[in-house]
N, C-alpha and C. Protein backbone atom coordinates (compact mmCIF):
# COMPACT_ATOMS: atom_id res chain seq x y z
N MET A 1 11.11 -5.72 32.98
CA MET A 1 12.08 -4.65 33.25
C MET A 1 13.18 -4.64 32.20
N ASN A 2 13.66 -5.82 31.81
CA ASN A 2 14.64 -5.95 30.74
C ASN A 2 14.49 -7.32 30.11
N ALA A 3 15.31 -7.59 29.12
CA ALA A 3 15.18 -8.85 28.38
C ALA A 3 15.41 -10.07 29.24
N ALA A 4 16.14 -9.90 30.35
CA ALA A 4 16.46 -11.03 31.22
C ALA A 4 15.40 -11.29 32.28
N THR A 5 14.38 -10.42 32.37
CA THR A 5 13.34 -10.59 33.38
C THR A 5 12.52 -11.84 33.08
N ARG A 6 12.34 -12.68 34.10
CA ARG A 6 11.50 -13.87 33.98
C ARG A 6 10.22 -13.64 34.76
N THR A 7 9.12 -14.14 34.24
CA THR A 7 7.86 -14.11 34.97
C THR A 7 7.53 -15.53 35.41
N ILE A 8 7.33 -15.68 36.71
CA ILE A 8 7.05 -17.00 37.27
C ILE A 8 5.74 -16.95 38.06
N GLY A 9 5.21 -18.11 38.35
CA GLY A 9 4.04 -18.21 39.20
C GLY A 9 4.38 -18.98 40.46
N LEU A 10 4.01 -18.44 41.60
CA LEU A 10 4.19 -19.12 42.89
C LEU A 10 2.83 -19.38 43.51
N THR A 11 2.72 -20.45 44.25
CA THR A 11 1.44 -20.79 44.88
C THR A 11 1.32 -20.09 46.22
N GLY A 12 0.34 -19.21 46.32
CA GLY A 12 0.10 -18.47 47.55
C GLY A 12 -1.12 -18.97 48.29
N PRO A 13 -1.51 -18.27 49.35
CA PRO A 13 -2.65 -18.70 50.16
C PRO A 13 -3.97 -18.82 49.41
N VAL A 14 -4.16 -18.00 48.34
CA VAL A 14 -5.43 -18.08 47.61
C VAL A 14 -5.21 -18.40 46.13
N GLY A 15 -4.04 -18.92 45.80
CA GLY A 15 -3.79 -19.29 44.41
C GLY A 15 -2.50 -18.70 43.87
N ASN A 16 -2.47 -18.55 42.56
CA ASN A 16 -1.24 -18.12 41.88
C ASN A 16 -0.85 -16.69 42.25
N ILE A 17 0.47 -16.49 42.45
CA ILE A 17 1.04 -15.17 42.62
C ILE A 17 2.00 -14.95 41.46
N GLU A 18 1.72 -13.95 40.63
CA GLU A 18 2.60 -13.62 39.51
C GLU A 18 3.79 -12.82 40.03
N VAL A 19 4.99 -13.24 39.65
CA VAL A 19 6.21 -12.61 40.14
C VAL A 19 7.17 -12.37 38.98
N ALA A 20 7.65 -11.14 38.84
CA ALA A 20 8.73 -10.83 37.90
C ALA A 20 10.04 -10.99 38.65
N LEU A 21 10.97 -11.72 38.04
CA LEU A 21 12.21 -12.09 38.71
C LEU A 21 13.40 -11.64 37.87
N ASP A 22 14.34 -10.94 38.52
CA ASP A 22 15.58 -10.52 37.86
C ASP A 22 16.76 -11.02 38.68
N ALA A 23 17.68 -11.69 38.01
CA ALA A 23 18.84 -12.27 38.68
C ALA A 23 20.11 -11.51 38.31
N PRO A 24 21.00 -11.29 39.27
CA PRO A 24 22.26 -10.61 38.97
C PRO A 24 23.22 -11.53 38.25
N VAL A 25 24.27 -10.96 37.70
CA VAL A 25 25.34 -11.77 37.12
C VAL A 25 26.11 -12.42 38.27
N GLY A 26 26.31 -13.73 38.20
CA GLY A 26 27.00 -14.43 39.28
C GLY A 26 26.06 -14.75 40.42
N SER A 27 26.64 -15.06 41.56
CA SER A 27 25.85 -15.45 42.74
C SER A 27 25.16 -14.24 43.35
N ALA A 28 23.91 -14.43 43.75
CA ALA A 28 23.17 -13.36 44.41
C ALA A 28 23.61 -13.22 45.85
N ARG A 29 23.71 -11.98 46.32
CA ARG A 29 24.07 -11.73 47.72
C ARG A 29 22.89 -11.94 48.67
N GLY A 30 21.68 -11.94 48.09
CA GLY A 30 20.48 -12.08 48.89
C GLY A 30 19.25 -11.90 48.02
N LEU A 31 18.11 -11.84 48.66
CA LEU A 31 16.83 -11.68 47.99
C LEU A 31 16.26 -10.31 48.31
N ALA A 32 15.77 -9.62 47.30
CA ALA A 32 15.06 -8.35 47.49
C ALA A 32 13.67 -8.48 46.88
N VAL A 33 12.65 -8.13 47.64
CA VAL A 33 11.26 -8.20 47.15
C VAL A 33 10.69 -6.79 47.19
N VAL A 34 10.19 -6.34 46.03
CA VAL A 34 9.73 -4.97 45.87
C VAL A 34 8.21 -4.97 45.66
N SER A 35 7.50 -4.19 46.47
CA SER A 35 6.03 -4.17 46.44
C SER A 35 5.50 -2.91 45.78
N HIS A 36 4.42 -3.08 45.00
CA HIS A 36 3.91 -1.99 44.17
C HIS A 36 2.79 -1.19 44.85
N PRO A 37 2.38 -0.06 44.23
CA PRO A 37 1.33 0.78 44.80
C PRO A 37 -0.04 0.12 44.80
N HIS A 38 -1.02 0.86 45.27
CA HIS A 38 -2.38 0.35 45.50
C HIS A 38 -2.97 -0.26 44.23
N PRO A 39 -3.42 -1.51 44.32
CA PRO A 39 -3.95 -2.19 43.13
C PRO A 39 -5.25 -1.59 42.60
N LEU A 40 -6.01 -0.91 43.43
CA LEU A 40 -7.27 -0.32 42.96
C LEU A 40 -7.06 1.02 42.27
N PHE A 41 -5.83 1.50 42.27
CA PHE A 41 -5.52 2.78 41.62
C PHE A 41 -4.41 2.61 40.58
N GLY A 42 -4.40 1.43 39.97
CA GLY A 42 -3.47 1.20 38.86
C GLY A 42 -2.11 0.67 39.23
N GLY A 43 -1.90 0.32 40.49
CA GLY A 43 -0.59 -0.17 40.91
C GLY A 43 -0.31 -1.57 40.38
N THR A 44 0.86 -1.75 39.77
CA THR A 44 1.28 -3.06 39.28
C THR A 44 2.78 -3.20 39.48
N LEU A 45 3.30 -4.40 39.22
CA LEU A 45 4.73 -4.64 39.34
C LEU A 45 5.55 -3.87 38.31
N ASP A 46 4.88 -3.30 37.28
CA ASP A 46 5.56 -2.52 36.26
C ASP A 46 5.61 -1.03 36.57
N ASN A 47 5.13 -0.62 37.73
CA ASN A 47 5.19 0.78 38.13
C ASN A 47 6.63 1.30 38.02
N LYS A 48 6.79 2.54 37.56
CA LYS A 48 8.13 3.08 37.30
C LYS A 48 9.00 3.19 38.56
N VAL A 49 8.41 3.55 39.69
CA VAL A 49 9.19 3.63 40.93
C VAL A 49 9.61 2.23 41.36
N VAL A 50 8.70 1.28 41.25
CA VAL A 50 9.01 -0.11 41.59
C VAL A 50 10.15 -0.63 40.71
N GLN A 51 10.07 -0.35 39.42
CA GLN A 51 11.14 -0.79 38.53
C GLN A 51 12.46 -0.11 38.87
N THR A 52 12.41 1.14 39.26
CA THR A 52 13.64 1.85 39.65
C THR A 52 14.28 1.21 40.88
N LEU A 53 13.46 0.89 41.88
CA LEU A 53 13.97 0.20 43.07
C LEU A 53 14.57 -1.15 42.69
N ALA A 54 13.89 -1.86 41.80
CA ALA A 54 14.38 -3.17 41.38
C ALA A 54 15.72 -3.05 40.68
N ARG A 55 15.87 -2.07 39.80
CA ARG A 55 17.14 -1.89 39.10
C ARG A 55 18.27 -1.57 40.07
N ALA A 56 17.99 -0.73 41.06
CA ALA A 56 19.01 -0.37 42.03
C ALA A 56 19.47 -1.59 42.83
N LEU A 57 18.51 -2.40 43.25
CA LEU A 57 18.85 -3.56 44.07
C LEU A 57 19.49 -4.67 43.24
N LEU A 58 19.09 -4.78 41.98
CA LEU A 58 19.74 -5.74 41.09
C LEU A 58 21.21 -5.38 40.88
N ALA A 59 21.49 -4.10 40.69
CA ALA A 59 22.87 -3.65 40.50
C ALA A 59 23.72 -3.90 41.75
N LEU A 60 23.06 -3.95 42.90
CA LEU A 60 23.76 -4.23 44.16
C LEU A 60 23.97 -5.72 44.40
N GLY A 61 23.47 -6.55 43.48
CA GLY A 61 23.75 -7.98 43.56
C GLY A 61 22.65 -8.84 44.11
N TYR A 62 21.45 -8.29 44.25
CA TYR A 62 20.33 -9.07 44.78
C TYR A 62 19.54 -9.76 43.68
N LEU A 63 19.00 -10.93 43.99
CA LEU A 63 17.92 -11.51 43.21
C LEU A 63 16.68 -10.70 43.54
N VAL A 64 16.05 -10.09 42.54
CA VAL A 64 14.95 -9.16 42.80
C VAL A 64 13.63 -9.74 42.31
N ALA A 65 12.65 -9.78 43.21
CA ALA A 65 11.31 -10.27 42.89
C ALA A 65 10.32 -9.13 43.04
N ARG A 66 9.41 -9.03 42.04
CA ARG A 66 8.34 -8.03 42.08
C ARG A 66 7.00 -8.76 41.92
N PRO A 67 6.32 -9.06 43.01
CA PRO A 67 5.03 -9.74 42.89
C PRO A 67 3.90 -8.77 42.55
N ASN A 68 2.93 -9.26 41.82
CA ASN A 68 1.67 -8.53 41.66
C ASN A 68 0.76 -8.89 42.82
N PHE A 69 0.08 -7.87 43.36
CA PHE A 69 -0.86 -8.14 44.44
C PHE A 69 -2.12 -8.82 43.91
N ARG A 70 -2.94 -9.28 44.83
CA ARG A 70 -4.16 -10.01 44.48
C ARG A 70 -5.05 -9.22 43.51
N GLY A 71 -5.49 -9.93 42.46
CA GLY A 71 -6.37 -9.33 41.48
C GLY A 71 -5.65 -8.52 40.40
N VAL A 72 -4.32 -8.49 40.45
CA VAL A 72 -3.54 -7.74 39.46
C VAL A 72 -2.79 -8.72 38.56
N GLY A 73 -2.88 -8.50 37.25
CA GLY A 73 -2.19 -9.40 36.31
C GLY A 73 -2.68 -10.82 36.47
N ALA A 74 -1.72 -11.75 36.59
CA ALA A 74 -2.07 -13.17 36.71
C ALA A 74 -2.15 -13.63 38.16
N THR A 75 -2.10 -12.69 39.11
CA THR A 75 -2.23 -13.07 40.52
C THR A 75 -3.71 -13.26 40.86
N GLN A 76 -4.02 -14.39 41.45
CA GLN A 76 -5.41 -14.71 41.78
C GLN A 76 -5.83 -14.05 43.09
N GLY A 77 -7.13 -14.05 43.32
CA GLY A 77 -7.68 -13.44 44.52
C GLY A 77 -8.16 -12.02 44.24
N THR A 78 -8.65 -11.37 45.28
CA THR A 78 -9.13 -10.00 45.17
C THR A 78 -8.48 -9.15 46.25
N TYR A 79 -8.48 -7.85 46.02
CA TYR A 79 -7.89 -6.90 46.96
C TYR A 79 -8.38 -7.17 48.38
N ASP A 80 -7.43 -7.17 49.35
CA ASP A 80 -7.78 -7.56 50.71
C ASP A 80 -7.33 -6.53 51.75
N GLN A 81 -7.29 -5.25 51.34
CA GLN A 81 -7.04 -4.15 52.28
C GLN A 81 -5.72 -4.31 53.05
N GLY A 82 -4.75 -4.93 52.41
CA GLY A 82 -3.44 -5.06 53.01
C GLY A 82 -3.20 -6.31 53.81
N ARG A 83 -4.26 -7.01 54.16
CA ARG A 83 -4.09 -8.21 54.98
C ARG A 83 -3.57 -9.38 54.15
N GLY A 84 -4.33 -9.77 53.12
CA GLY A 84 -3.91 -10.87 52.27
C GLY A 84 -2.65 -10.54 51.50
N GLU A 85 -2.45 -9.25 51.19
CA GLU A 85 -1.26 -8.84 50.48
C GLU A 85 -0.01 -9.10 51.31
N VAL A 86 -0.10 -8.89 52.62
CA VAL A 86 1.02 -9.21 53.51
C VAL A 86 1.25 -10.71 53.55
N ASP A 87 0.18 -11.48 53.64
CA ASP A 87 0.31 -12.94 53.65
C ASP A 87 1.01 -13.43 52.38
N ASP A 88 0.60 -12.87 51.23
CA ASP A 88 1.21 -13.28 49.97
C ASP A 88 2.68 -12.90 49.91
N LEU A 89 3.01 -11.70 50.38
CA LEU A 89 4.41 -11.26 50.36
C LEU A 89 5.28 -12.18 51.22
N ILE A 90 4.79 -12.54 52.38
CA ILE A 90 5.54 -13.45 53.25
C ILE A 90 5.72 -14.81 52.59
N GLU A 91 4.71 -15.26 51.86
CA GLU A 91 4.81 -16.54 51.16
C GLU A 91 5.85 -16.46 50.04
N VAL A 92 5.87 -15.37 49.29
CA VAL A 92 6.88 -15.18 48.25
C VAL A 92 8.28 -15.22 48.86
N VAL A 93 8.46 -14.52 49.96
CA VAL A 93 9.75 -14.52 50.65
C VAL A 93 10.14 -15.92 51.08
N SER A 94 9.21 -16.64 51.69
CA SER A 94 9.49 -17.98 52.19
C SER A 94 9.89 -18.93 51.07
N ILE A 95 9.14 -18.88 49.96
CA ILE A 95 9.42 -19.80 48.85
C ILE A 95 10.77 -19.50 48.22
N LEU A 96 11.02 -18.24 47.91
CA LEU A 96 12.26 -17.90 47.21
C LEU A 96 13.48 -18.03 48.11
N ARG A 97 13.34 -17.70 49.38
CA ARG A 97 14.47 -17.91 50.31
C ARG A 97 14.85 -19.39 50.34
N HIS A 98 13.84 -20.25 50.40
CA HIS A 98 14.10 -21.69 50.49
C HIS A 98 14.64 -22.23 49.18
N GLU A 99 13.99 -21.89 48.07
CA GLU A 99 14.40 -22.43 46.78
C GLU A 99 15.79 -21.95 46.38
N ARG A 100 16.08 -20.69 46.64
CA ARG A 100 17.36 -20.11 46.20
C ARG A 100 18.44 -20.14 47.28
N ARG A 101 18.06 -20.60 48.48
CA ARG A 101 19.00 -20.68 49.60
C ARG A 101 19.65 -19.32 49.88
N LEU A 102 18.80 -18.33 50.01
CA LEU A 102 19.24 -16.97 50.26
C LEU A 102 18.73 -16.52 51.62
N ASP A 103 19.65 -16.20 52.52
CA ASP A 103 19.26 -15.77 53.86
C ASP A 103 19.03 -14.27 53.94
N ASP A 104 19.94 -13.48 53.35
CA ASP A 104 19.81 -12.03 53.43
C ASP A 104 18.58 -11.56 52.65
N LEU A 105 17.83 -10.66 53.26
CA LEU A 105 16.57 -10.22 52.68
C LEU A 105 16.42 -8.72 52.79
N VAL A 106 16.01 -8.10 51.68
CA VAL A 106 15.61 -6.70 51.65
C VAL A 106 14.16 -6.63 51.22
N LEU A 107 13.35 -5.88 51.93
CA LEU A 107 11.98 -5.60 51.51
C LEU A 107 11.90 -4.13 51.14
N ALA A 108 11.37 -3.86 49.96
CA ALA A 108 11.21 -2.49 49.49
C ALA A 108 9.80 -2.30 49.00
N GLY A 109 9.29 -1.08 49.11
CA GLY A 109 7.94 -0.83 48.66
C GLY A 109 7.69 0.63 48.39
N PHE A 110 6.75 0.88 47.48
CA PHE A 110 6.37 2.24 47.12
C PHE A 110 4.90 2.46 47.44
N SER A 111 4.60 3.54 48.17
CA SER A 111 3.24 3.94 48.49
C SER A 111 2.52 2.83 49.27
N PHE A 112 1.41 2.30 48.78
CA PHE A 112 0.74 1.18 49.46
C PHE A 112 1.71 0.02 49.66
N GLY A 113 2.61 -0.18 48.72
CA GLY A 113 3.62 -1.24 48.85
C GLY A 113 4.54 -1.04 50.03
N SER A 114 4.74 0.22 50.44
CA SER A 114 5.57 0.47 51.62
C SER A 114 4.88 -0.03 52.88
N VAL A 115 3.56 0.10 52.92
CA VAL A 115 2.78 -0.39 54.07
C VAL A 115 2.86 -1.91 54.14
N VAL A 116 2.66 -2.57 53.01
CA VAL A 116 2.72 -4.02 52.96
C VAL A 116 4.10 -4.51 53.37
N SER A 117 5.15 -3.84 52.88
CA SER A 117 6.52 -4.24 53.21
C SER A 117 6.80 -4.07 54.70
N ALA A 118 6.39 -2.94 55.27
CA ALA A 118 6.63 -2.69 56.69
C ALA A 118 5.87 -3.68 57.57
N ARG A 119 4.63 -3.99 57.21
CA ARG A 119 3.85 -4.95 57.99
C ARG A 119 4.44 -6.36 57.87
N ALA A 120 4.86 -6.72 56.66
CA ALA A 120 5.47 -8.04 56.46
C ALA A 120 6.77 -8.14 57.25
N ALA A 121 7.56 -7.07 57.27
CA ALA A 121 8.82 -7.07 58.03
C ALA A 121 8.55 -7.29 59.51
N SER A 122 7.50 -6.66 60.03
CA SER A 122 7.15 -6.83 61.43
C SER A 122 6.77 -8.27 61.74
N GLN A 123 5.98 -8.89 60.86
CA GLN A 123 5.59 -10.28 61.08
C GLN A 123 6.78 -11.23 60.94
N LEU A 124 7.64 -10.96 59.97
CA LEU A 124 8.82 -11.81 59.80
C LEU A 124 9.75 -11.70 60.99
N HIS A 125 9.85 -10.49 61.56
CA HIS A 125 10.66 -10.31 62.76
C HIS A 125 10.13 -11.17 63.90
N ALA A 126 8.81 -11.19 64.06
CA ALA A 126 8.20 -12.01 65.11
C ALA A 126 8.45 -13.49 64.91
N LEU A 127 8.64 -13.88 63.65
CA LEU A 127 8.91 -15.29 63.33
C LEU A 127 10.40 -15.62 63.36
N GLY A 128 11.23 -14.65 63.68
CA GLY A 128 12.68 -14.87 63.70
C GLY A 128 13.31 -14.87 62.32
N ARG A 129 12.62 -14.27 61.33
CA ARG A 129 13.13 -14.26 59.95
C ARG A 129 13.13 -12.84 59.40
N ALA A 130 13.54 -11.89 60.21
CA ALA A 130 13.46 -10.48 59.84
C ALA A 130 14.36 -10.14 58.65
N PRO A 131 13.94 -9.18 57.83
CA PRO A 131 14.81 -8.71 56.75
C PRO A 131 16.00 -7.95 57.31
N GLN A 132 17.08 -7.90 56.53
CA GLN A 132 18.25 -7.14 56.94
C GLN A 132 18.05 -5.65 56.74
N LYS A 133 17.19 -5.28 55.77
CA LYS A 133 16.96 -3.85 55.52
C LYS A 133 15.60 -3.64 54.87
N LEU A 134 15.03 -2.47 55.15
CA LEU A 134 13.79 -2.01 54.51
C LEU A 134 14.07 -0.74 53.72
N VAL A 135 13.44 -0.63 52.55
CA VAL A 135 13.50 0.59 51.75
C VAL A 135 12.06 1.00 51.46
N LEU A 136 11.65 2.15 52.01
CA LEU A 136 10.26 2.60 51.90
C LEU A 136 10.23 3.92 51.16
N VAL A 137 9.51 3.98 50.05
CA VAL A 137 9.43 5.17 49.22
C VAL A 137 7.99 5.64 49.15
N GLY A 138 7.78 6.94 49.39
CA GLY A 138 6.41 7.46 49.39
C GLY A 138 5.56 6.77 50.44
N THR A 139 6.13 6.58 51.62
CA THR A 139 5.48 5.81 52.70
C THR A 139 4.10 6.36 53.00
N ALA A 140 3.10 5.50 52.95
CA ALA A 140 1.70 5.93 53.07
C ALA A 140 1.27 6.09 54.53
N ALA A 141 2.11 6.76 55.31
CA ALA A 141 1.76 7.04 56.71
C ALA A 141 0.62 8.06 56.75
N GLY A 142 -0.24 7.93 57.75
CA GLY A 142 -1.39 8.82 57.84
C GLY A 142 -2.60 8.25 57.13
N ARG A 143 -2.38 7.64 55.98
CA ARG A 143 -3.47 6.97 55.26
C ARG A 143 -3.65 5.53 55.75
N TRP A 144 -2.55 4.94 56.23
CA TRP A 144 -2.56 3.56 56.69
C TRP A 144 -1.81 3.47 58.00
N ASP A 145 -2.08 2.42 58.75
CA ASP A 145 -1.33 2.15 59.97
C ASP A 145 -0.01 1.48 59.57
N VAL A 146 1.07 2.24 59.66
CA VAL A 146 2.39 1.72 59.32
C VAL A 146 3.14 1.43 60.63
N PRO A 147 3.56 0.19 60.85
CA PRO A 147 4.24 -0.13 62.11
C PRO A 147 5.60 0.53 62.21
N SER A 148 6.14 0.55 63.41
CA SER A 148 7.51 1.03 63.59
C SER A 148 8.45 0.11 62.83
N VAL A 149 9.56 0.68 62.39
CA VAL A 149 10.51 -0.08 61.56
C VAL A 149 11.90 0.00 62.17
N PRO A 150 12.81 -0.88 61.75
CA PRO A 150 14.18 -0.86 62.29
C PRO A 150 14.90 0.45 62.00
N ALA A 151 15.90 0.75 62.82
CA ALA A 151 16.62 2.02 62.73
C ALA A 151 17.37 2.18 61.41
N ASN A 152 17.71 1.08 60.75
CA ASN A 152 18.47 1.19 59.50
C ASN A 152 17.58 1.27 58.26
N THR A 153 16.28 1.45 58.46
CA THR A 153 15.35 1.57 57.34
C THR A 153 15.63 2.84 56.54
N LEU A 154 15.65 2.71 55.21
CA LEU A 154 15.82 3.85 54.32
C LEU A 154 14.43 4.35 53.92
N VAL A 155 14.10 5.57 54.30
CA VAL A 155 12.81 6.18 54.00
C VAL A 155 13.05 7.36 53.05
N ILE A 156 12.40 7.33 51.89
CA ILE A 156 12.54 8.37 50.88
C ILE A 156 11.17 8.97 50.61
N HIS A 157 11.10 10.30 50.61
CA HIS A 157 9.80 10.94 50.38
C HIS A 157 9.98 12.21 49.56
N GLY A 158 8.92 12.57 48.83
CA GLY A 158 8.94 13.78 48.02
C GLY A 158 8.51 15.00 48.80
N GLU A 159 9.23 16.09 48.60
CA GLU A 159 8.91 17.33 49.29
C GLU A 159 7.51 17.83 48.96
N LYS A 160 7.10 17.67 47.71
CA LYS A 160 5.83 18.21 47.23
C LYS A 160 4.74 17.15 47.09
N ASP A 161 4.86 16.08 47.84
CA ASP A 161 3.88 14.99 47.77
C ASP A 161 2.54 15.48 48.29
N ASP A 162 1.52 15.52 47.40
CA ASP A 162 0.19 15.94 47.84
C ASP A 162 -0.76 14.77 48.03
N THR A 163 -0.24 13.54 47.83
CA THR A 163 -1.02 12.34 48.11
C THR A 163 -0.79 11.89 49.55
N VAL A 164 0.47 11.84 49.93
CA VAL A 164 0.86 11.58 51.33
C VAL A 164 1.77 12.73 51.74
N PRO A 165 1.24 13.73 52.44
CA PRO A 165 2.05 14.90 52.79
C PRO A 165 3.30 14.52 53.58
N LEU A 166 4.38 15.21 53.31
CA LEU A 166 5.63 14.97 54.04
C LEU A 166 5.42 15.08 55.54
N SER A 167 4.54 15.99 55.97
CA SER A 167 4.30 16.17 57.41
C SER A 167 3.78 14.89 58.05
N ALA A 168 2.96 14.12 57.33
CA ALA A 168 2.43 12.87 57.87
C ALA A 168 3.54 11.85 58.07
N VAL A 169 4.48 11.80 57.13
CA VAL A 169 5.60 10.87 57.24
C VAL A 169 6.52 11.28 58.39
N LEU A 170 6.75 12.56 58.54
CA LEU A 170 7.58 13.03 59.65
C LEU A 170 6.91 12.76 61.00
N ASP A 171 5.59 12.90 61.06
CA ASP A 171 4.87 12.57 62.30
C ASP A 171 5.04 11.10 62.66
N TRP A 172 5.08 10.23 61.65
CA TRP A 172 5.30 8.79 61.87
C TRP A 172 6.75 8.50 62.23
N ALA A 173 7.67 9.16 61.57
CA ALA A 173 9.09 8.87 61.75
C ALA A 173 9.67 9.48 63.03
N SER A 174 9.18 10.64 63.43
CA SER A 174 9.78 11.36 64.55
C SER A 174 9.83 10.58 65.86
N PRO A 175 8.75 9.91 66.28
CA PRO A 175 8.83 9.16 67.54
C PRO A 175 9.86 8.02 67.49
N GLN A 176 10.20 7.59 66.28
CA GLN A 176 11.19 6.52 66.12
C GLN A 176 12.60 7.07 65.95
N GLU A 177 12.71 8.42 65.88
CA GLU A 177 13.99 9.07 65.57
C GLU A 177 14.57 8.49 64.28
N LEU A 178 13.68 8.36 63.30
CA LEU A 178 14.01 7.74 62.03
C LEU A 178 14.25 8.82 60.98
N PRO A 179 15.44 8.89 60.40
CA PRO A 179 15.70 9.89 59.36
C PRO A 179 14.85 9.66 58.12
N VAL A 180 14.50 10.74 57.46
CA VAL A 180 13.75 10.69 56.20
C VAL A 180 14.55 11.45 55.15
N VAL A 181 14.83 10.80 54.03
CA VAL A 181 15.51 11.45 52.92
C VAL A 181 14.44 12.15 52.07
N VAL A 182 14.51 13.47 52.01
CA VAL A 182 13.52 14.26 51.28
C VAL A 182 14.10 14.68 49.93
N ILE A 183 13.36 14.37 48.85
CA ILE A 183 13.79 14.77 47.51
C ILE A 183 13.11 16.09 47.17
N PRO A 184 13.88 17.17 47.06
CA PRO A 184 13.29 18.49 46.79
C PRO A 184 12.48 18.51 45.49
N GLY A 185 11.31 19.09 45.58
CA GLY A 185 10.47 19.28 44.41
C GLY A 185 9.74 18.05 43.93
N ALA A 186 9.95 16.90 44.56
CA ALA A 186 9.34 15.66 44.08
C ALA A 186 7.89 15.53 44.53
N ASP A 187 7.04 15.04 43.61
CA ASP A 187 5.66 14.74 43.96
C ASP A 187 5.57 13.26 44.39
N HIS A 188 4.36 12.76 44.57
CA HIS A 188 4.21 11.40 45.07
C HIS A 188 4.76 10.37 44.10
N PHE A 189 4.71 10.67 42.80
CA PHE A 189 5.13 9.70 41.80
C PHE A 189 6.57 9.92 41.32
N PHE A 190 7.23 10.90 41.91
CA PHE A 190 8.65 11.15 41.66
C PHE A 190 8.96 11.34 40.17
N HIS A 191 8.08 12.11 39.49
CA HIS A 191 8.33 12.42 38.09
C HIS A 191 9.67 13.15 37.94
N HIS A 192 10.48 12.68 37.02
CA HIS A 192 11.80 13.24 36.72
C HIS A 192 12.79 13.10 37.89
N LYS A 193 12.49 12.24 38.84
CA LYS A 193 13.36 12.05 40.01
C LYS A 193 13.80 10.60 40.18
N LEU A 194 13.50 9.74 39.21
CA LEU A 194 13.78 8.32 39.37
C LEU A 194 15.27 8.02 39.45
N THR A 195 16.07 8.72 38.66
CA THR A 195 17.52 8.50 38.72
C THR A 195 18.06 8.84 40.10
N LEU A 196 17.49 9.87 40.71
CA LEU A 196 17.92 10.27 42.05
C LEU A 196 17.55 9.20 43.08
N ILE A 197 16.36 8.61 42.96
CA ILE A 197 15.98 7.51 43.87
C ILE A 197 16.98 6.37 43.76
N LYS A 198 17.31 6.01 42.52
CA LYS A 198 18.27 4.92 42.31
C LYS A 198 19.60 5.21 42.98
N ARG A 199 20.07 6.44 42.82
CA ARG A 199 21.35 6.80 43.42
C ARG A 199 21.29 6.78 44.95
N ILE A 200 20.20 7.27 45.52
CA ILE A 200 20.05 7.28 46.98
C ILE A 200 20.08 5.86 47.53
N VAL A 201 19.37 4.94 46.88
CA VAL A 201 19.35 3.55 47.33
C VAL A 201 20.75 2.95 47.25
N GLN A 202 21.42 3.13 46.14
CA GLN A 202 22.73 2.54 45.97
C GLN A 202 23.75 3.17 46.92
N ASP A 203 23.64 4.46 47.15
CA ASP A 203 24.55 5.12 48.09
C ASP A 203 24.39 4.58 49.51
N ALA A 204 23.18 4.11 49.84
CA ALA A 204 22.94 3.56 51.17
C ALA A 204 23.72 2.28 51.42
N TRP A 205 24.17 1.65 50.34
CA TRP A 205 24.96 0.42 50.46
C TRP A 205 26.46 0.67 50.29
N GLN A 206 26.85 1.91 50.02
CA GLN A 206 28.27 2.20 49.82
C GLN A 206 29.06 1.83 51.07
N GLY A 207 30.19 1.20 50.87
CA GLY A 207 31.03 0.81 52.00
C GLY A 207 30.63 -0.50 52.62
N ASP A 208 29.56 -1.13 52.08
CA ASP A 208 29.11 -2.42 52.60
C ASP A 208 30.01 -3.52 52.06
N SER A 209 30.73 -4.19 52.92
CA SER A 209 31.70 -5.19 52.49
C SER A 209 31.06 -6.45 51.92
N THR A 210 29.71 -6.57 52.04
CA THR A 210 29.06 -7.78 51.54
C THR A 210 28.69 -7.66 50.07
N ILE A 211 28.94 -6.49 49.44
CA ILE A 211 28.70 -6.39 48.01
C ILE A 211 29.63 -7.35 47.29
N PRO A 212 29.11 -8.21 46.44
CA PRO A 212 29.93 -9.23 45.82
C PRO A 212 31.01 -8.64 44.93
N ARG A 213 32.16 -9.28 44.89
CA ARG A 213 33.26 -8.84 44.06
C ARG A 213 32.81 -8.82 42.60
N GLY A 214 33.12 -7.72 41.92
CA GLY A 214 32.76 -7.60 40.52
C GLY A 214 31.45 -6.86 40.30
N ALA A 215 30.68 -6.66 41.37
CA ALA A 215 29.42 -5.91 41.21
C ALA A 215 29.73 -4.44 40.97
N THR A 216 28.93 -3.79 40.14
CA THR A 216 29.12 -2.38 39.87
C THR A 216 27.99 -1.59 40.51
N ILE A 217 28.30 -0.42 40.97
CA ILE A 217 27.31 0.45 41.59
C ILE A 217 27.23 1.74 40.79
N PRO A 218 26.35 1.81 39.80
CA PRO A 218 26.26 3.00 38.98
C PRO A 218 25.87 4.21 39.84
N GLN A 219 26.36 5.37 39.47
CA GLN A 219 26.08 6.57 40.23
C GLN A 219 25.02 7.46 39.55
N GLY A 220 24.46 7.01 38.46
CA GLY A 220 23.46 7.80 37.76
C GLY A 220 22.21 7.02 37.49
């Protein structure tokens, strides 16, 4: 993502998990883990939406981790239809929370990554280690079984998404009375809308007293 990005390897259930790591200036306020789109359709930790989410969360003071799913890059294993990917994500969270002594957790994901993040959040909640916030972009509702999410979840979707229609996301969100932030004119990949995604994420933290002193929140 930038010159300061480190690539590390963590030991997961089936071997190495490749993780790109970005640290804020000073002490991190918490850990944010960002999940990428479907690995069988070109999804990697370098996806532009994933990088945009990472930049937004880094500016908010989080240590940001972007793991590659199984079979992508240097991550071992093969695609596991969301099951093993959730296991790996939970392992990444467990290792980094322990090593870095960070309790606050944000899980973010784009497209297939939104499903993995939501499922991992549900399992972590059952274990008493729930994230403080979820950020789901291009949520793959309708294509996948996406569990219910906490009321403070930030859901962002494109008005013109023809991969996951907005109507499918609203059908998923409505029974939960969960607001959806709709970006006018945006397709599934949010071409020419990345700056807006960054601003929406950062605005969701405005007024949060836990933002570390000295952190900057860019508006563009």
